[in-house]
PDB file of all heavy atoms in Angstrom:
ATOM      1  N   HIS A   1     -55.279 -39.868  16.170  1.00  0.00           N
ATOM      2  CA  HIS A   1     -54.923 -38.821  15.211  1.00  0.00           C
ATOM      3  C   HIS A   1     -55.741 -38.973  13.940  1.00  0.00           C
ATOM      4  O   HIS A   1     -56.247 -37.984  13.375  1.00  0.00           O
ATOM      5  CB  HIS A   1     -53.422 -38.897  14.911  1.00  0.00           C
ATOM      6  CG  HIS A   1     -52.882 -37.717  14.176  1.00  0.00           C
ATOM      7  ND1 HIS A   1     -53.005 -37.570  12.810  1.00  0.00           N
ATOM      8  CD2 HIS A   1     -52.207 -36.614  14.619  1.00  0.00           C
ATOM      9  CE1 HIS A   1     -52.437 -36.439  12.439  1.00  0.00           C
ATOM     10  NE2 HIS A   1     -51.950 -35.839  13.510  1.00  0.00           N
ATOM     11  N   PHE A   2     -55.895 -40.206  13.472  1.00  0.00           N
ATOM     12  CA  PHE A   2     -56.672 -40.459  12.261  1.00  0.00           C
ATOM     13  C   PHE A   2     -58.128 -40.050  12.447  1.00  0.00           C
ATOM     14  O   PHE A   2     -58.741 -39.454  11.548  1.00  0.00           O
ATOM     15  CB  PHE A   2     -56.579 -41.937  11.899  1.00  0.00           C
ATOM     16  CG  PHE A   2     -57.383 -42.326  10.690  1.00  0.00           C
ATOM     17  CD1 PHE A   2     -56.939 -42.015   9.417  1.00  0.00           C
ATOM     18  CD2 PHE A   2     -58.583 -43.007  10.835  1.00  0.00           C
ATOM     19  CE1 PHE A   2     -57.679 -42.369   8.295  1.00  0.00           C
ATOM     20  CE2 PHE A   2     -59.322 -43.367   9.721  1.00  0.00           C
ATOM     21  CZ  PHE A   2     -58.872 -43.051   8.452  1.00  0.00           C
ATOM     22  N   ILE A   3     -58.704 -40.347  13.604  1.00  0.00           N
ATOM     23  CA  ILE A   3     -60.093 -39.977  13.871  1.00  0.00           C
ATOM     24  C   ILE A   3     -60.244 -38.459  13.898  1.00  0.00           C
ATOM     25  O   ILE A   3     -61.212 -37.907  13.354  1.00  0.00           O
ATOM     26  CB  ILE A   3     -60.559 -40.609  15.196  1.00  0.00           C
ATOM     27  CG1 ILE A   3     -60.688 -42.130  15.024  1.00  0.00           C
ATOM     28  CG2 ILE A   3     -61.890 -40.016  15.654  1.00  0.00           C
ATOM     29  CD1 ILE A   3     -60.945 -42.875  16.306  1.00  0.00           C
ATOM     30  N   CYS A   4     -59.286 -37.769  14.500  1.00  0.00           N
ATOM     31  CA  CYS A   4     -59.317 -36.302  14.509  1.00  0.00           C
ATOM     32  C   CYS A   4     -59.247 -35.754  13.081  1.00  0.00           C
ATOM     33  O   CYS A   4     -59.947 -34.794  12.738  1.00  0.00           O
ATOM     34  CB  CYS A   4     -58.156 -35.747  15.333  1.00  0.00           C
ATOM     35  SG  CYS A   4     -58.308 -35.960  17.116  1.00  0.00           S
ATOM     36  N   GLU A   5     -58.399 -36.364  12.271  1.00  0.00           N
ATOM     37  CA  GLU A   5     -58.263 -35.910  10.879  1.00  0.00           C
ATOM     38  C   GLU A   5     -59.561 -36.093  10.111  1.00  0.00           C
ATOM     39  O   GLU A   5     -60.018 -35.200   9.396  1.00  0.00           O
ATOM     40  CB  GLU A   5     -57.138 -36.672  10.184  1.00  0.00           C
ATOM     41  CG  GLU A   5     -56.940 -36.249   8.736  1.00  0.00           C
ATOM     42  CD  GLU A   5     -55.908 -37.081   8.005  1.00  0.00           C
ATOM     43  OE1 GLU A   5     -54.715 -36.973   8.358  1.00  0.00           O
ATOM     44  OE2 GLU A   5     -56.286 -37.834   7.080  1.00  0.00           O
ATOM     45  N   MET A   6     -60.180 -37.258  10.248  1.00  0.00           N
ATOM     46  CA  MET A   6     -61.423 -37.524   9.537  1.00  0.00           C
ATOM     47  C   MET A   6     -62.517 -36.550   9.950  1.00  0.00           C
ATOM     48  O   MET A   6     -63.242 -36.016   9.113  1.00  0.00           O
ATOM     49  CB  MET A   6     -61.885 -38.966   9.797  1.00  0.00           C
ATOM     50  CG  MET A   6     -61.060 -40.036   9.114  1.00  0.00           C
ATOM     51  SD  MET A   6     -61.137 -39.981   7.307  1.00  0.00           S
ATOM     52  CE  MET A   6     -59.584 -39.152   6.952  1.00  0.00           C
ATOM     53  N   ARG A   7     -62.622 -36.306  11.257  1.00  0.00           N
ATOM     54  CA  ARG A   7     -63.643 -35.381  11.723  1.00  0.00           C
ATOM     55  C   ARG A   7     -63.392 -33.975  11.192  1.00  0.00           C
ATOM     56  O   ARG A   7     -64.321 -33.286  10.774  1.00  0.00           O
ATOM     57  CB  ARG A   7     -63.691 -35.358  13.257  1.00  0.00           C
ATOM     58  CG  ARG A   7     -64.875 -34.549  13.776  1.00  0.00           C
ATOM     59  CD  ARG A   7     -64.694 -34.037  15.180  1.00  0.00           C
ATOM     60  NE  ARG A   7     -65.754 -33.075  15.468  1.00  0.00           N
ATOM     61  CZ  ARG A   7     -65.715 -31.785  15.102  1.00  0.00           C
ATOM     62  NH1 ARG A   7     -64.670 -31.318  14.450  1.00  0.00           N
ATOM     63  NH2 ARG A   7     -66.724 -30.978  15.371  1.00  0.00           N
ATOM     64  N   SER A   8     -62.140 -33.534  11.188  1.00  0.00           N
ATOM     65  CA  SER A   8     -61.802 -32.200  10.688  1.00  0.00           C
ATOM     66  C   SER A   8     -62.129 -32.072   9.208  1.00  0.00           C
ATOM     67  O   SER A   8     -62.683 -31.063   8.768  1.00  0.00           O
ATOM     68  CB  SER A   8     -60.316 -31.907  10.922  1.00  0.00           C
ATOM     69  OG  SER A   8     -60.026 -31.824  12.298  1.00  0.00           O
ATOM     70  N   ARG A   9     -61.807 -33.077   8.443  1.00  0.00           N
ATOM     71  CA  ARG A   9     -62.077 -33.018   7.009  1.00  0.00           C
ATOM     72  C   ARG A   9     -63.576 -33.017   6.726  1.00  0.00           C
ATOM     73  O   ARG A   9     -64.053 -32.300   5.846  1.00  0.00           O
ATOM     74  CB  ARG A   9     -61.408 -34.195   6.312  1.00  0.00           C
ATOM     75  CG  ARG A   9     -59.880 -34.110   6.294  1.00  0.00           C
ATOM     76  CD  ARG A   9     -59.273 -35.323   5.627  1.00  0.00           C
ATOM     77  NE  ARG A   9     -59.712 -35.454   4.241  1.00  0.00           N
ATOM     78  CZ  ARG A   9     -59.603 -36.558   3.511  1.00  0.00           C
ATOM     79  NH1 ARG A   9     -59.081 -37.654   4.060  1.00  0.00           N
ATOM     80  NH2 ARG A   9     -60.009 -36.584   2.267  1.00  0.00           N
ATOM     81  N   LEU A  10     -64.329 -33.823   7.471  1.00  0.00           N
ATOM     82  CA  LEU A  10     -65.776 -33.855   7.275  1.00  0.00           C
ATOM     83  C   LEU A  10     -66.429 -32.527   7.635  1.00  0.00           C
ATOM     84  O   LEU A  10     -67.436 -32.139   7.050  1.00  0.00           O
ATOM     85  CB  LEU A  10     -66.388 -34.975   8.117  1.00  0.00           C
ATOM     86  CG  LEU A  10     -66.131 -36.403   7.634  1.00  0.00           C
ATOM     87  CD1 LEU A  10     -66.512 -37.408   8.713  1.00  0.00           C
ATOM     88  CD2 LEU A  10     -66.892 -36.690   6.347  1.00  0.00           C
ATOM     89  N   SER A  11     -65.834 -31.815   8.603  1.00  0.00           N
ATOM     90  CA  SER A  11     -66.432 -30.557   9.056  1.00  0.00           C
ATOM     91  C   SER A  11     -66.339 -29.463   8.003  1.00  0.00           C
ATOM     92  O   SER A  11     -67.045 -28.459   8.081  1.00  0.00           O
ATOM     93  CB  SER A  11     -65.760 -30.086  10.353  1.00  0.00           C
ATOM     94  OG  SER A  11     -64.425 -29.678  10.126  1.00  0.00           O
ATOM     95  N   ARG A  12     -65.480 -29.626   7.009  1.00  0.00           N
ATOM     96  CA  ARG A  12     -65.356 -28.611   5.960  1.00  0.00           C
ATOM     97  C   ARG A  12     -66.670 -28.412   5.220  1.00  0.00           C
ATOM     98  O   ARG A  12     -67.091 -27.289   4.974  1.00  0.00           O
ATOM     99  CB  ARG A  12     -64.273 -29.013   4.954  1.00  0.00           C
ATOM    100  CG  ARG A  12     -62.851 -28.798   5.434  1.00  0.00           C
ATOM    101  CD  ARG A  12     -61.882 -29.267   4.383  1.00  0.00           C
ATOM    102  NE  ARG A  12     -60.514 -28.910   4.736  1.00  0.00           N
ATOM    103  CZ  ARG A  12     -59.444 -29.380   4.135  1.00  0.00           C
ATOM    104  NH1 ARG A  12     -59.604 -30.251   3.153  1.00  0.00           N
ATOM    105  NH2 ARG A  12     -58.242 -29.003   4.495  1.00  0.00           N
ATOM    106  N   THR A  13     -67.286 -29.505   4.851  1.00  0.00           N
ATOM    107  CA  THR A  13     -68.541 -29.425   4.101  1.00  0.00           C
ATOM    108  C   THR A  13     -69.750 -29.726   4.982  1.00  0.00           C
ATOM    109  O   THR A  13     -70.871 -29.751   4.490  1.00  0.00           O
ATOM    110  CB  THR A  13     -68.514 -30.402   2.904  1.00  0.00           C
ATOM    111  OG1 THR A  13     -68.143 -31.703   3.366  1.00  0.00           O
ATOM    112  CG2 THR A  13     -67.497 -29.940   1.864  1.00  0.00           C
ATOM    113  N   ASN A  14     -69.503 -29.966   6.276  1.00  0.00           N
ATOM    114  CA  ASN A  14     -70.585 -30.192   7.240  1.00  0.00           C
ATOM    115  C   ASN A  14     -70.320 -29.332   8.475  1.00  0.00           C
ATOM    116  O   ASN A  14     -69.910 -29.838   9.530  1.00  0.00           O
ATOM    117  CB  ASN A  14     -70.652 -31.668   7.648  1.00  0.00           C
ATOM    118  CG  ASN A  14     -70.948 -32.589   6.481  1.00  0.00           C
ATOM    119  OD1 ASN A  14     -72.093 -32.812   6.120  1.00  0.00           O
ATOM    120  ND2 ASN A  14     -69.893 -33.111   5.876  1.00  0.00           N
ATOM    121  N   PRO A  15     -70.528 -28.004   8.350  1.00  0.00           N
ATOM    122  CA  PRO A  15     -70.177 -27.103   9.446  1.00  0.00           C
ATOM    123  C   PRO A  15     -70.919 -27.377  10.741  1.00  0.00           C
ATOM    124  O   PRO A  15     -70.473 -26.969  11.818  1.00  0.00           O
ATOM    125  CB  PRO A  15     -70.538 -25.716   8.891  1.00  0.00           C
ATOM    126  CG  PRO A  15     -71.500 -25.970   7.772  1.00  0.00           C
ATOM    127  CD  PRO A  15     -71.098 -27.296   7.193  1.00  0.00           C
ATOM    128  N   ASP A  16     -72.043 -28.091  10.667  1.00  0.00           N
ATOM    129  CA  ASP A  16     -72.818 -28.405  11.877  1.00  0.00           C
ATOM    130  C   ASP A  16     -72.442 -29.761  12.463  1.00  0.00           C
ATOM    131  O   ASP A  16     -73.127 -30.259  13.361  1.00  0.00           O
ATOM    132  CB  ASP A  16     -74.323 -28.385  11.550  1.00  0.00           C
ATOM    133  CG  ASP A  16     -74.802 -27.014  11.104  1.00  0.00           C
ATOM    134  OD1 ASP A  16     -74.245 -26.008  11.586  1.00  0.00           O
ATOM    135  OD2 ASP A  16     -75.711 -26.951  10.252  1.00  0.00           O
ATOM    136  N   LEU A  17     -71.367 -30.340  11.964  1.00  0.00           N
ATOM    137  CA  LEU A  17     -70.945 -31.652  12.454  1.00  0.00           C
ATOM    138  C   LEU A  17     -70.643 -31.597  13.944  1.00  0.00           C
ATOM    139  O   LEU A  17     -69.912 -30.739  14.415  1.00  0.00           O
ATOM    140  CB  LEU A  17     -69.687 -32.115  11.694  1.00  0.00           C
ATOM    141  CG  LEU A  17     -69.207 -33.530  11.990  1.00  0.00           C
ATOM    142  CD1 LEU A  17     -70.182 -34.562  11.402  1.00  0.00           C
ATOM    143  CD2 LEU A  17     -67.812 -33.751  11.414  1.00  0.00           C
ATOM    144  N   GLU A  18     -71.228 -32.529  14.673  1.00  0.00           N
ATOM    145  CA  GLU A  18     -71.005 -32.586  16.117  1.00  0.00           C
ATOM    146  C   GLU A  18     -69.840 -33.527  16.420  1.00  0.00           C
ATOM    147  O   GLU A  18     -68.998 -33.780  15.574  1.00  0.00           O
ATOM    148  CB  GLU A  18     -72.295 -33.057  16.804  1.00  0.00           C
ATOM    149  CG  GLU A  18     -73.479 -32.131  16.604  1.00  0.00           C
ATOM    150  CD  GLU A  18     -73.311 -30.778  17.277  1.00  0.00           C
ATOM    151  OE1 GLU A  18     -72.504 -30.697  18.237  1.00  0.00           O
ATOM    152  OE2 GLU A  18     -73.971 -29.815  16.863  1.00  0.00           O
ATOM    153  N   LYS A  19     -69.817 -34.057  17.609  1.00  0.00           N
ATOM    154  CA  LYS A  19     -68.734 -34.954  18.011  1.00  0.00           C
ATOM    155  C   LYS A  19     -68.982 -36.394  17.584  1.00  0.00           C
ATOM    156  O   LYS A  19     -68.134 -37.254  17.781  1.00  0.00           O
ATOM    157  CB  LYS A  19     -68.532 -34.869  19.520  1.00  0.00           C
ATOM    158  CG  LYS A  19     -68.118 -33.477  19.994  1.00  0.00           C
ATOM    159  CD  LYS A  19     -68.041 -33.398  21.509  1.00  0.00           C
ATOM    160  CE  LYS A  19     -67.701 -31.987  21.973  1.00  0.00           C
ATOM    161  NZ  LYS A  19     -67.657 -31.882  23.443  1.00  0.00           N
ATOM    162  N   ASP A  20     -70.163 -36.653  17.027  1.00  0.00           N
ATOM    163  CA  ASP A  20     -70.489 -37.981  16.516  1.00  0.00           C
ATOM    164  C   ASP A  20     -70.486 -37.938  14.989  1.00  0.00           C
ATOM    165  O   ASP A  20     -70.999 -36.984  14.401  1.00  0.00           O
ATOM    166  CB  ASP A  20     -71.864 -38.431  16.999  1.00  0.00           C
ATOM    167  CG  ASP A  20     -71.952 -38.499  18.515  1.00  0.00           C
ATOM    168  OD1 ASP A  20     -70.898 -38.472  19.171  1.00  0.00           O
ATOM    169  OD2 ASP A  20     -73.083 -38.576  19.033  1.00  0.00           O
ATOM    170  N   PHE A  21     -69.929 -38.940  14.367  1.00  0.00           N
ATOM    171  CA  PHE A  21     -69.956 -38.997  12.906  1.00  0.00           C
ATOM    172  C   PHE A  21     -69.809 -40.433  12.439  1.00  0.00           C
ATOM    173  O   PHE A  21     -69.381 -41.312  13.187  1.00  0.00           O
ATOM    174  CB  PHE A  21     -68.862 -38.113  12.288  1.00  0.00           C
ATOM    175  CG  PHE A  21     -67.448 -38.537  12.613  1.00  0.00           C
ATOM    176  CD1 PHE A  21     -66.735 -39.357  11.753  1.00  0.00           C
ATOM    177  CD2 PHE A  21     -66.828 -38.087  13.773  1.00  0.00           C
ATOM    178  CE1 PHE A  21     -65.438 -39.738  12.051  1.00  0.00           C
ATOM    179  CE2 PHE A  21     -65.529 -38.464  14.074  1.00  0.00           C
ATOM    180  CZ  PHE A  21     -64.827 -39.297  13.210  1.00  0.00           C
ATOM    181  N   ARG A  22     -70.176 -40.656  11.195  1.00  0.00           N
ATOM    182  CA  ARG A  22     -70.109 -41.989  10.599  1.00  0.00           C
ATOM    183  C   ARG A  22     -68.725 -42.195   9.985  1.00  0.00           C
ATOM    184  O   ARG A  22     -68.233 -41.354   9.231  1.00  0.00           O
ATOM    185  CB  ARG A  22     -71.202 -42.134   9.528  1.00  0.00           C
ATOM    186  CG  ARG A  22     -71.200 -43.479   8.823  1.00  0.00           C
ATOM    187  CD  ARG A  22     -72.437 -43.626   7.951  1.00  0.00           C
ATOM    188  NE  ARG A  22     -72.331 -44.744   7.019  1.00  0.00           N
ATOM    189  CZ  ARG A  22     -72.457 -46.022   7.350  1.00  0.00           C
ATOM    190  NH1 ARG A  22     -72.720 -46.337   8.600  1.00  0.00           N
ATOM    191  NH2 ARG A  22     -72.346 -46.967   6.445  1.00  0.00           N
ATOM    192  N   LEU A  23     -68.115 -43.326  10.304  1.00  0.00           N
ATOM    193  CA  LEU A  23     -66.815 -43.704   9.758  1.00  0.00           C
ATOM    194  C   LEU A  23     -66.988 -45.064   9.077  1.00  0.00           C
ATOM    195  O   LEU A  23     -66.797 -46.113   9.697  1.00  0.00           O
ATOM    196  CB  LEU A  23     -65.769 -43.780  10.882  1.00  0.00           C
ATOM    197  CG  LEU A  23     -64.320 -44.053  10.465  1.00  0.00           C
ATOM    198  CD1 LEU A  23     -63.737 -42.854   9.726  1.00  0.00           C
ATOM    199  CD2 LEU A  23     -63.458 -44.367  11.695  1.00  0.00           C
ATOM    200  N   PRO A  24     -67.372 -45.073   7.796  1.00  0.00           N
ATOM    201  CA  PRO A  24     -67.759 -46.329   7.124  1.00  0.00           C
ATOM    202  C   PRO A  24     -66.573 -47.153   6.626  1.00  0.00           C
ATOM    203  O   PRO A  24     -66.571 -47.647   5.496  1.00  0.00           O
ATOM    204  CB  PRO A  24     -68.608 -45.816   5.962  1.00  0.00           C
ATOM    205  CG  PRO A  24     -67.977 -44.514   5.604  1.00  0.00           C
ATOM    206  CD  PRO A  24     -67.517 -43.908   6.911  1.00  0.00           C
ATOM    207  N   LEU A  25     -65.562 -47.285   7.469  1.00  0.00           N
ATOM    208  CA  LEU A  25     -64.377 -48.069   7.112  1.00  0.00           C
ATOM    209  C   LEU A  25     -64.383 -49.367   7.910  1.00  0.00           C
ATOM    210  O   LEU A  25     -64.573 -49.347   9.126  1.00  0.00           O
ATOM    211  CB  LEU A  25     -63.098 -47.280   7.411  1.00  0.00           C
ATOM    212  CG  LEU A  25     -62.966 -45.908   6.737  1.00  0.00           C
ATOM    213  CD1 LEU A  25     -61.678 -45.226   7.183  1.00  0.00           C
ATOM    214  CD2 LEU A  25     -62.987 -46.047   5.211  1.00  0.00           C
ATOM    215  N   SER A  26     -64.150 -50.465   7.231  1.00  0.00           N
ATOM    216  CA  SER A  26     -64.115 -51.757   7.912  1.00  0.00           C
ATOM    217  C   SER A  26     -62.872 -51.849   8.789  1.00  0.00           C
ATOM    218  O   SER A  26     -61.935 -51.056   8.671  1.00  0.00           O
ATOM    219  CB  SER A  26     -64.110 -52.892   6.885  1.00  0.00           C
ATOM    220  OG  SER A  26     -62.871 -52.912   6.191  1.00  0.00           O
ATOM    221  N   GLN A  27     -62.875 -52.850   9.654  1.00  0.00           N
ATOM    222  CA  GLN A  27     -61.711 -53.087  10.512  1.00  0.00           C
ATOM    223  C   GLN A  27     -60.458 -53.333   9.667  1.00  0.00           C
ATOM    224  O   GLN A  27     -59.364 -52.879   9.999  1.00  0.00           O
ATOM    225  CB  GLN A  27     -61.973 -54.288  11.421  1.00  0.00           C
ATOM    226  CG  GLN A  27     -61.085 -54.329  12.643  1.00  0.00           C
ATOM    227  CD  GLN A  27     -61.892 -54.112  13.912  1.00  0.00           C
ATOM    228  OE1 GLN A  27     -62.572 -53.101  14.041  1.00  0.00           O
ATOM    229  NE2 GLN A  27     -61.820 -55.048  14.818  1.00  0.00           N
ATOM    230  N   GLN A  28     -60.640 -54.059   8.546  1.00  0.00           N
ATOM    231  CA  GLN A  28     -59.500 -54.345   7.669  1.00  0.00           C
ATOM    232  C   GLN A  28     -58.987 -53.061   7.006  1.00  0.00           C
ATOM    233  O   GLN A  28     -57.779 -52.859   6.863  1.00  0.00           O
ATOM    234  CB  GLN A  28     -59.904 -55.358   6.596  1.00  0.00           C
ATOM    235  CG  GLN A  28     -58.749 -55.795   5.702  1.00  0.00           C
ATOM    236  CD  GLN A  28     -57.681 -56.551   6.469  1.00  0.00           C
ATOM    237  OE1 GLN A  28     -57.944 -57.595   7.041  1.00  0.00           O
ATOM    238  NE2 GLN A  28     -56.454 -56.030   6.470  1.00  0.00           N
TER     239      GLN A  28
END
């Protein structure tokens, strides 16, 4: 669910966002 949320939010300002994206959050 969190990954879906992040992708949806990123797509707002990146309309060409594909199914791959950068998630610069550490494991912690």
